PDB file of N, CA and C in Angstrom:
ATOM      1  N   MET A   1      -6.664   7.831 -15.108  1.00  0.00           N
ATOM      2  CA  MET A   1      -7.644   7.031 -14.386  1.00  0.00           C
ATOM      3  C   MET A   1      -9.016   7.290 -15.015  1.00  0.00           C
ATOM      4  N   ILE A   2      -9.740   6.226 -15.212  1.00  0.00           N
ATOM      5  CA  ILE A   2     -11.080   6.318 -15.790  1.00  0.00           C
ATOM      6  C   ILE A   2     -12.073   6.646 -14.678  1.00  0.00           C
ATOM      7  N   THR A   3     -13.050   7.479 -14.991  1.00  0.00           N
ATOM      8  CA  THR A   3     -14.128   7.800 -14.067  1.00  0.00           C
ATOM      9  C   THR A   3     -15.449   7.461 -14.734  1.00  0.00           C
ATOM     10  N   VAL A   4     -16.289   6.703 -14.043  1.00  0.00           N
ATOM     11  CA  VAL A   4     -17.599   6.325 -14.582  1.00  0.00           C
ATOM     12  C   VAL A   4     -18.660   6.547 -13.520  1.00  0.00           C
ATOM     13  N   GLY A   5     -19.842   6.842 -13.986  1.00  0.00           N
ATOM     14  CA  GLY A   5     -20.983   6.973 -13.091  1.00  0.00           C
ATOM     15  C   GLY A   5     -21.522   5.609 -12.707  1.00  0.00           C
ATOM     16  N   ILE A   6     -22.313   5.582 -11.679  1.00  0.00           N
ATOM     17  CA  ILE A   6     -22.875   4.335 -11.170  1.00  0.00           C
ATOM     18  C   ILE A   6     -23.698   3.619 -12.240  1.00  0.00           C
ATOM     19  N   ARG A   7     -24.427   4.364 -13.052  1.00  0.00           N
ATOM     20  CA  ARG A   7     -25.241   3.749 -14.115  1.00  0.00           C
ATOM     21  C   ARG A   7     -24.347   3.053 -15.137  1.00  0.00           C
ATOM     22  N   GLU A   8     -23.262   3.729 -15.521  1.00  0.00           N
ATOM     23  CA  GLU A   8     -22.324   3.127 -16.471  1.00  0.00           C
ATOM     24  C   GLU A   8     -21.663   1.891 -15.863  1.00  0.00           C
ATOM     25  N   LEU A   9     -21.384   1.936 -14.574  1.00  0.00           N
ATOM     26  CA  LEU A   9     -20.824   0.765 -13.900  1.00  0.00           C
ATOM     27  C   LEU A   9     -21.772  -0.418 -14.019  1.00  0.00           C
ATOM     28  N   LYS A  10     -23.060  -0.174 -13.781  1.00  0.00           N
ATOM     29  CA  LYS A  10     -24.057  -1.243 -13.879  1.00  0.00           C
ATOM     30  C   LYS A  10     -24.097  -1.830 -15.281  1.00  0.00           C
ATOM     31  N   GLU A  11     -24.019  -0.967 -16.276  1.00  0.00           N
ATOM     32  CA  GLU A  11     -24.145  -1.404 -17.661  1.00  0.00           C
ATOM     33  C   GLU A  11     -22.882  -2.070 -18.197  1.00  0.00           C
ATOM     34  N   GLN A  12     -21.716  -1.676 -17.671  1.00  0.00           N
ATOM     35  CA  GLN A  12     -20.447  -2.139 -18.242  1.00  0.00           C
ATOM     36  C   GLN A  12     -19.536  -2.800 -17.213  1.00  0.00           C
ATOM     37  N   ALA A  13     -20.095  -3.411 -16.200  1.00  0.00           N
ATOM     38  CA  ALA A  13     -19.289  -3.974 -15.118  1.00  0.00           C
ATOM     39  C   ALA A  13     -18.224  -4.947 -15.629  1.00  0.00           C
ATOM     40  N   SER A  14     -18.613  -5.873 -16.479  1.00  0.00           N
ATOM     41  CA  SER A  14     -17.659  -6.865 -16.985  1.00  0.00           C
ATOM     42  C   SER A  14     -16.512  -6.215 -17.742  1.00  0.00           C
ATOM     43  N   GLU A  15     -16.836  -5.262 -18.589  1.00  0.00           N
ATOM     44  CA  GLU A  15     -15.807  -4.562 -19.359  1.00  0.00           C
ATOM     45  C   GLU A  15     -14.873  -3.778 -18.445  1.00  0.00           C
ATOM     46  N   LEU A  16     -15.417  -3.106 -17.439  1.00  0.00           N
ATOM     47  CA  LEU A  16     -14.594  -2.319 -16.524  1.00  0.00           C
ATOM     48  C   LEU A  16     -13.677  -3.220 -15.694  1.00  0.00           C
ATOM     49  N   VAL A  17     -14.201  -4.343 -15.240  1.00  0.00           N
ATOM     50  CA  VAL A  17     -13.365  -5.276 -14.481  1.00  0.00           C
ATOM     51  C   VAL A  17     -12.248  -5.811 -15.362  1.00  0.00           C
ATOM     52  N   ARG A  18     -12.559  -6.137 -16.613  1.00  0.00           N
ATOM     53  CA  ARG A  18     -11.531  -6.604 -17.540  1.00  0.00           C
ATOM     54  C   ARG A  18     -10.449  -5.546 -17.728  1.00  0.00           C
ATOM     55  N   ARG A  19     -10.872  -4.295 -17.888  1.00  0.00           N
ATOM     56  CA  ARG A  19      -9.918  -3.193 -18.064  1.00  0.00           C
ATOM     57  C   ARG A  19      -8.982  -3.056 -16.862  1.00  0.00           C
ATOM     58  N   VAL A  20      -9.573  -3.100 -15.675  1.00  0.00           N
ATOM     59  CA  VAL A  20      -8.765  -2.979 -14.454  1.00  0.00           C
ATOM     60  C   VAL A  20      -7.792  -4.147 -14.355  1.00  0.00           C
ATOM     61  N   ARG A  21      -8.293  -5.332 -14.628  1.00  0.00           N
ATOM     62  CA  ARG A  21      -7.454  -6.533 -14.540  1.00  0.00           C
ATOM     63  C   ARG A  21      -6.287  -6.456 -15.516  1.00  0.00           C
ATOM     64  N   GLU A  22      -6.546  -6.048 -16.737  1.00  0.00           N
ATOM     65  CA  GLU A  22      -5.516  -6.033 -17.765  1.00  0.00           C
ATOM     66  C   GLU A  22      -4.551  -4.859 -17.643  1.00  0.00           C
ATOM     67  N   SER A  23      -5.073  -3.694 -17.294  1.00  0.00           N
ATOM     68  CA  SER A  23      -4.219  -2.504 -17.245  1.00  0.00           C
ATOM     69  C   SER A  23      -3.611  -2.255 -15.870  1.00  0.00           C
ATOM     70  N   GLY A  24      -4.296  -2.736 -14.830  1.00  0.00           N
ATOM     71  CA  GLY A  24      -3.837  -2.455 -13.473  1.00  0.00           C
ATOM     72  C   GLY A  24      -4.225  -1.069 -12.991  1.00  0.00           C
ATOM     73  N   ASN A  25      -4.930  -0.305 -13.834  1.00  0.00           N
ATOM     74  CA  ASN A  25      -5.334   1.050 -13.465  1.00  0.00           C
ATOM     75  C   ASN A  25      -6.705   1.038 -12.799  1.00  0.00           C
ATOM     76  N   PRO A  26      -6.852   1.774 -11.710  1.00  0.00           N
ATOM     77  CA  PRO A  26      -8.149   1.827 -11.037  1.00  0.00           C
ATOM     78  C   PRO A  26      -9.190   2.613 -11.828  1.00  0.00           C
ATOM     79  N   VAL A  27     -10.438   2.394 -11.493  1.00  0.00           N
ATOM     80  CA  VAL A  27     -11.562   3.128 -12.077  1.00  0.00           C
ATOM     81  C   VAL A  27     -12.293   3.814 -10.934  1.00  0.00           C
ATOM     82  N   GLN A  28     -12.526   5.109 -11.080  1.00  0.00           N
ATOM     83  CA  GLN A  28     -13.296   5.852 -10.093  1.00  0.00           C
ATOM     84  C   GLN A  28     -14.777   5.685 -10.400  1.00  0.00           C
ATOM     85  N   ILE A  29     -15.571   5.443  -9.362  1.00  0.00           N
ATOM     86  CA  ILE A  29     -17.011   5.324  -9.504  1.00  0.00           C
ATOM     87  C   ILE A  29     -17.642   6.564  -8.871  1.00  0.00           C
ATOM     88  N   THR A  30     -18.514   7.230  -9.637  1.00  0.00           N
ATOM     89  CA  THR A  30     -19.138   8.445  -9.119  1.00  0.00           C
ATOM     90  C   THR A  30     -20.640   8.256  -8.937  1.00  0.00           C
ATOM     91  N   TYR A  31     -21.181   9.038  -8.018  1.00  0.00           N
ATOM     92  CA  TYR A  31     -22.616   9.101  -7.783  1.00  0.00           C
ATOM     93  C   TYR A  31     -22.966  10.574  -7.699  1.00  0.00           C
ATOM     94  N   HIS A  32     -23.764  11.028  -8.629  1.00  0.00           N
ATOM     95  CA  HIS A  32     -24.100  12.452  -8.740  1.00  0.00           C
ATOM     96  C   HIS A  32     -22.840  13.312  -8.806  1.00  0.00           C
ATOM     97  N   GLY A  33     -21.854  12.830  -9.574  1.00  0.00           N
ATOM     98  CA  GLY A  33     -20.635  13.593  -9.806  1.00  0.00           C
ATOM     99  C   GLY A  33     -19.577  13.512  -8.730  1.00  0.00           C
ATOM    100  N   LYS A  34     -19.854  12.834  -7.646  1.00  0.00           N
ATOM    101  CA  LYS A  34     -18.889  12.720  -6.548  1.00  0.00           C
ATOM    102  C   LYS A  34     -18.321  11.303  -6.515  1.00  0.00           C
ATOM    103  N   VAL A  35     -16.976  11.206  -6.424  1.00  0.00           N
ATOM    104  CA  VAL A  35     -16.336   9.887  -6.361  1.00  0.00           C
ATOM    105  C   VAL A  35     -16.725   9.219  -5.041  1.00  0.00           C
ATOM    106  N   VAL A  36     -17.295   8.018  -5.159  1.00  0.00           N
ATOM    107  CA  VAL A  36     -17.755   7.293  -3.974  1.00  0.00           C
ATOM    108  C   VAL A  36     -17.057   5.949  -3.799  1.00  0.00           C
ATOM    109  N   ALA A  37     -16.360   5.485  -4.850  1.00  0.00           N
ATOM    110  CA  ALA A  37     -15.705   4.188  -4.757  1.00  0.00           C
ATOM    111  C   ALA A  37     -14.609   4.079  -5.803  1.00  0.00           C
ATOM    112  N   LEU A  38     -13.719   3.137  -5.587  1.00  0.00           N
ATOM    113  CA  LEU A  38     -12.677   2.826  -6.555  1.00  0.00           C
ATOM    114  C   LEU A  38     -12.736   1.341  -6.876  1.00  0.00           C
ATOM    115  N   LEU A  39     -12.604   1.015  -8.138  1.00  0.00           N
ATOM    116  CA  LEU A  39     -12.465  -0.363  -8.569  1.00  0.00           C
ATOM    117  C   LEU A  39     -10.979  -0.541  -8.844  1.00  0.00           C
ATOM    118  N   VAL A  40     -10.318  -1.325  -8.007  1.00  0.00           N
ATOM    119  CA  VAL A  40      -8.864  -1.469  -8.098  1.00  0.00           C
ATOM    120  C   VAL A  40      -8.491  -2.935  -8.275  1.00  0.00           C
ATOM    121  N   PRO A  41      -7.328  -3.187  -8.878  1.00  0.00           N
ATOM    122  CA  PRO A  41      -6.903  -4.584  -9.031  1.00  0.00           C
ATOM    123  C   PRO A  41      -6.538  -5.176  -7.676  1.00  0.00           C
ATOM    124  N   ALA A  42      -6.852  -6.439  -7.509  1.00  0.00           N
ATOM    125  CA  ALA A  42      -6.461  -7.145  -6.289  1.00  0.00           C
ATOM    126  C   ALA A  42      -4.953  -7.347  -6.320  1.00  0.00           C
ATOM    127  N   GLU A  43      -4.331  -7.206  -5.183  1.00  0.00           N
ATOM    128  CA  GLU A  43      -2.885  -7.401  -5.106  1.00  0.00           C
ATOM    129  C   GLU A  43      -2.571  -8.890  -5.149  1.00  0.00           C
ATOM    130  N   ALA A  44      -1.513  -9.205  -5.839  1.00  0.00           N
ATOM    131  CA  ALA A  44      -1.078 -10.595  -5.892  1.00  0.00           C
ATOM    132  C   ALA A  44      -0.556 -11.017  -4.523  1.00  0.00           C
ATOM    133  N   THR A  45      -0.772 -12.262  -4.184  1.00  0.00           N
ATOM    134  CA  THR A  45      -0.267 -12.748  -2.907  1.00  0.00           C
ATOM    135  C   THR A  45       1.248 -12.874  -2.976  1.00  0.00           C
ATOM    136  N   ALA A  46       1.891 -12.619  -1.873  1.00  0.00           N
ATOM    137  CA  ALA A  46       3.347 -12.655  -1.814  1.00  0.00           C
ATOM    138  C   ALA A  46       3.848 -14.090  -1.911  1.00  0.00           C
ATOM    139  N   ASN A  47       4.991 -14.224  -2.510  1.00  0.00           N
ATOM    140  CA  ASN A  47       5.672 -15.503  -2.568  1.00  0.00           C
ATOM    141  C   ASN A  47       6.192 -15.798  -1.156  1.00  0.00           C
ATOM    142  N   PRO A  48       5.836 -16.947  -0.558  1.00  0.00           N
ATOM    143  CA  PRO A  48       6.262 -17.242   0.812  1.00  0.00           C
ATOM    144  C   PRO A  48       7.776 -17.196   1.009  1.00  0.00           C
ATOM    145  N   ALA A  49       8.535 -17.651   0.022  1.00  0.00           N
ATOM    146  CA  ALA A  49       9.995 -17.629   0.139  1.00  0.00           C
ATOM    147  C   ALA A  49      10.522 -16.199   0.144  1.00  0.00           C
ATOM    148  N   GLU A  50       9.958 -15.349  -0.720  1.00  0.00           N
ATOM    149  CA  GLU A  50      10.368 -13.942  -0.755  1.00  0.00           C
ATOM    150  C   GLU A  50       9.979 -13.230   0.531  1.00  0.00           C
ATOM    151  N   GLU A  51       8.810 -13.557   1.051  1.00  0.00           N
ATOM    152  CA  GLU A  51       8.359 -12.951   2.298  1.00  0.00           C
ATOM    153  C   GLU A  51       9.286 -13.333   3.452  1.00  0.00           C
ATOM    154  N   ALA A  52       9.641 -14.598   3.529  1.00  0.00           N
ATOM    155  CA  ALA A  52      10.553 -15.059   4.586  1.00  0.00           C
ATOM    156  C   ALA A  52      11.908 -14.382   4.460  1.00  0.00           C
ATOM    157  N   GLN A  53      12.380 -14.213   3.240  1.00  0.00           N
ATOM    158  CA  GLN A  53      13.661 -13.550   3.004  1.00  0.00           C
ATOM    159  C   GLN A  53      13.602 -12.082   3.441  1.00  0.00           C
ATOM    160  N   ALA A  54      12.495 -11.422   3.159  1.00  0.00           N
ATOM    161  CA  ALA A  54      12.337 -10.019   3.550  1.00  0.00           C
ATOM    162  C   ALA A  54      12.334  -9.878   5.069  1.00  0.00           C
ATOM    163  N   TRP A  55      11.619 -10.780   5.774  1.00  0.00           N
ATOM    164  CA  TRP A  55      11.600 -10.724   7.235  1.00  0.00           C
ATOM    165  C   TRP A  55      12.983 -11.008   7.811  1.00  0.00           C
ATOM    166  N   ALA A  56      13.721 -11.932   7.221  1.00  0.00           N
ATOM    167  CA  ALA A  56      15.080 -12.229   7.691  1.00  0.00           C
ATOM    168  C   ALA A  56      15.989 -11.020   7.513  1.00  0.00           C
ATOM    169  N   ALA A  57      15.834 -10.311   6.394  1.00  0.00           N
ATOM    170  CA  ALA A  57      16.633  -9.106   6.157  1.00  0.00           C
ATOM    171  C   ALA A  57      16.296  -8.023   7.180  1.00  0.00           C
ATOM    172  N   LEU A  58      15.009  -7.878   7.513  1.00  0.00           N
ATOM    173  CA  LEU A  58      14.618  -6.894   8.536  1.00  0.00           C
ATOM    174  C   LEU A  58      15.162  -7.268   9.907  1.00  0.00           C
ATOM    175  N   ASP A  59      15.145  -8.563  10.229  1.00  0.00           N
ATOM    176  CA  ASP A  59      15.710  -9.018  11.507  1.00  0.00           C
ATOM    177  C   ASP A  59      17.207  -8.712  11.580  1.00  0.00           C
ATOM    178  N   GLU A  60      17.908  -8.921  10.482  1.00  0.00           N
ATOM    179  CA  GLU A  60      19.352  -8.637  10.438  1.00  0.00           C
ATOM    180  C   GLU A  60      19.605  -7.141  10.605  1.00  0.00           C
ATOM    181  N   LEU A  61      18.805  -6.328   9.934  1.00  0.00           N
ATOM    182  CA  LEU A  61      18.947  -4.880  10.065  1.00  0.00           C
ATOM    183  C   LEU A  61      18.686  -4.438  11.502  1.00  0.00           C
ATOM    184  N   ALA A  62      17.652  -4.988  12.125  1.00  0.00           N
ATOM    185  CA  ALA A  62      17.346  -4.646  13.523  1.00  0.00           C
ATOM    186  C   ALA A  62      18.512  -5.029  14.436  1.00  0.00           C
ATOM    187  N   ALA A  63      19.130  -6.171  14.189  1.00  0.00           N
ATOM    188  CA  ALA A  63      20.273  -6.594  15.001  1.00  0.00           C
ATOM    189  C   ALA A  63      21.444  -5.634  14.821  1.00  0.00           C
ATOM    190  N   GLN A  64      21.691  -5.211  13.604  1.00  0.00           N
ATOM    191  CA  GLN A  64      22.780  -4.266  13.348  1.00  0.00           C
ATOM    192  C   GLN A  64      22.518  -2.931  14.042  1.00  0.00           C
ATOM    193  N   ILE A  65      21.306  -2.447  13.970  1.00  0.00           N
ATOM    194  CA  ILE A  65      20.956  -1.193  14.635  1.00  0.00           C
ATOM    195  C   ILE A  65      21.118  -1.352  16.141  1.00  0.00           C
ATOM    196  N   GLY A  66      20.641  -2.471  16.673  1.00  0.00           N
ATOM    197  CA  GLY A  66      20.740  -2.726  18.109  1.00  0.00           C
ATOM    198  C   GLY A  66      22.171  -2.754  18.611  1.00  0.00           C
ATOM    199  N   GLN A  67      23.090  -3.268  17.824  1.00  0.00           N
ATOM    200  CA  GLN A  67      24.497  -3.327  18.213  1.00  0.00           C
ATOM    201  C   GLN A  67      25.113  -1.939  18.323  1.00  0.00           C
ATOM    202  N   ARG A  68      24.636  -1.013  17.524  1.00  0.00           N
ATOM    203  CA  ARG A  68      25.227   0.332  17.498  1.00  0.00           C
ATOM    204  C   ARG A  68      24.441   1.361  18.313  1.00  0.00           C
ATOM    205  N   TRP A  69      23.259   0.976  18.796  1.00  0.00           N
ATOM    206  CA  TRP A  69      22.402   1.929  19.494  1.00  0.00           C
ATOM    207  C   TRP A  69      22.967   2.242  20.878  1.00  0.00           C
ATOM    208  N   PRO A  70      23.068   3.514  21.247  1.00  0.00           N
ATOM    209  CA  PRO A  70      23.552   3.876  22.588  1.00  0.00           C
ATOM    210  C   PRO A  70      22.637   3.295  23.673  1.00  0.00           C
ATOM    211  N   LYS A  71      23.234   2.689  24.673  1.00  0.00           N
ATOM    212  CA  LYS A  71      22.474   1.988  25.717  1.00  0.00           C
ATOM    213  C   LYS A  71      21.565   2.922  26.517  1.00  0.00           C
ATOM    214  N   ASP A  72      21.964   4.169  26.701  1.00  0.00           N
ATOM    215  CA  ASP A  72      21.192   5.090  27.536  1.00  0.00           C
ATOM    216  C   ASP A  72      20.242   5.991  26.725  1.00  0.00           C
ATOM    217  N   LEU A  73      19.971   5.639  25.460  1.00  0.00           N
ATOM    218  CA  LEU A  73      19.137   6.479  24.606  1.00  0.00           C
ATOM    219  C   LEU A  73      17.936   5.676  24.116  1.00  0.00           C
ATOM    220  N   SER A  74      16.731   6.148  24.453  1.00  0.00           N
ATOM    221  CA  SER A  74      15.527   5.482  23.966  1.00  0.00           C
ATOM    222  C   SER A  74      15.202   5.992  22.561  1.00  0.00           C
ATOM    223  N   ALA A  75      14.416   5.238  21.847  1.00  0.00           N
ATOM    224  CA  ALA A  75      14.006   5.663  20.509  1.00  0.00           C
ATOM    225  C   ALA A  75      13.229   6.978  20.588  1.00  0.00           C
ATOM    226  N   ARG A  76      12.407   7.106  21.611  1.00  0.00           N
ATOM    227  CA  ARG A  76      11.633   8.338  21.784  1.00  0.00           C
ATOM    228  C   ARG A  76      12.558   9.541  21.966  1.00  0.00           C
ATOM    229  N   GLN A  77      13.606   9.372  22.781  1.00  0.00           N
ATOM    230  CA  GLN A  77      14.567  10.444  22.985  1.00  0.00           C
ATOM    231  C   GLN A  77      15.291  10.793  21.687  1.00  0.00           C
ATOM    232  N   ALA A  78      15.659   9.776  20.914  1.00  0.00           N
ATOM    233  CA  ALA A  78      16.367  10.008  19.661  1.00  0.00           C
ATOM    234  C   ALA A  78      15.500  10.809  18.694  1.00  0.00           C
ATOM    235  N   VAL A  79      14.231  10.463  18.595  1.00  0.00           N
ATOM    236  CA  VAL A  79      13.319  11.188  17.710  1.00  0.00           C
ATOM    237  C   VAL A  79      13.140  12.620  18.201  1.00  0.00           C
ATOM    238  N   ALA A  80      12.976  12.797  19.502  1.00  0.00           N
ATOM    239  CA  ALA A  80      12.812  14.150  20.059  1.00  0.00           C
ATOM    240  C   ALA A  80      14.051  15.001  19.785  1.00  0.00           C
ATOM    241  N   GLU A  81      15.224  14.418  19.932  1.00  0.00           N
ATOM    242  CA  GLU A  81      16.456  15.158  19.679  1.00  0.00           C
ATOM    243  C   GLU A  81      16.551  15.553  18.208  1.00  0.00           C
ATOM    244  N   GLU A  82      16.163  14.622  17.325  1.00  0.00           N
ATOM    245  CA  GLU A  82      16.233  14.894  15.891  1.00  0.00           C
ATOM    246  C   GLU A  82      15.271  16.021  15.511  1.00  0.00           C
ATOM    247  N   ARG A  83      14.134  16.071  16.182  1.00  0.00           N
ATOM    248  CA  ARG A  83      13.134  17.108  15.908  1.00  0.00           C
ATOM    249  C   ARG A  83      13.481  18.427  16.579  1.00  0.00           C
ATOM    250  N   GLY A  84      14.525  18.432  17.387  1.00  0.00           N
ATOM    251  CA  GLY A  84      14.958  19.667  18.001  1.00  0.00           C
ATOM    252  C   GLY A  84      14.323  19.965  19.343  1.00  0.00           C
ATOM    253  N   GLY A  85      13.951  18.936  20.047  1.00  0.00           N
ATOM    254  CA  GLY A  85      13.348  19.277  21.317  1.00  0.00           C
ATOM    255  C   GLY A  85      12.921  18.107  22.046  1.00  0.00           C
TER     256      GLY A  85
END
């Protein structure tokens, strides 16, 4: 990860943005030696069809879990039992 001071950011903003865009690696921005910000690539928007497919898969998984879940056991109780208390 690249680290640059605020002055260098001012002087090389276009170059740093290009680097982040092309490499996908963030840049740390420092002020008096302390990291105060990150320049990170924007995440690509999800494909609506893939997103719908992912939600459908989660719904199916929830239905499968629900079919096998003991009727008298809450999720809170299950977690407490797993943690030993």
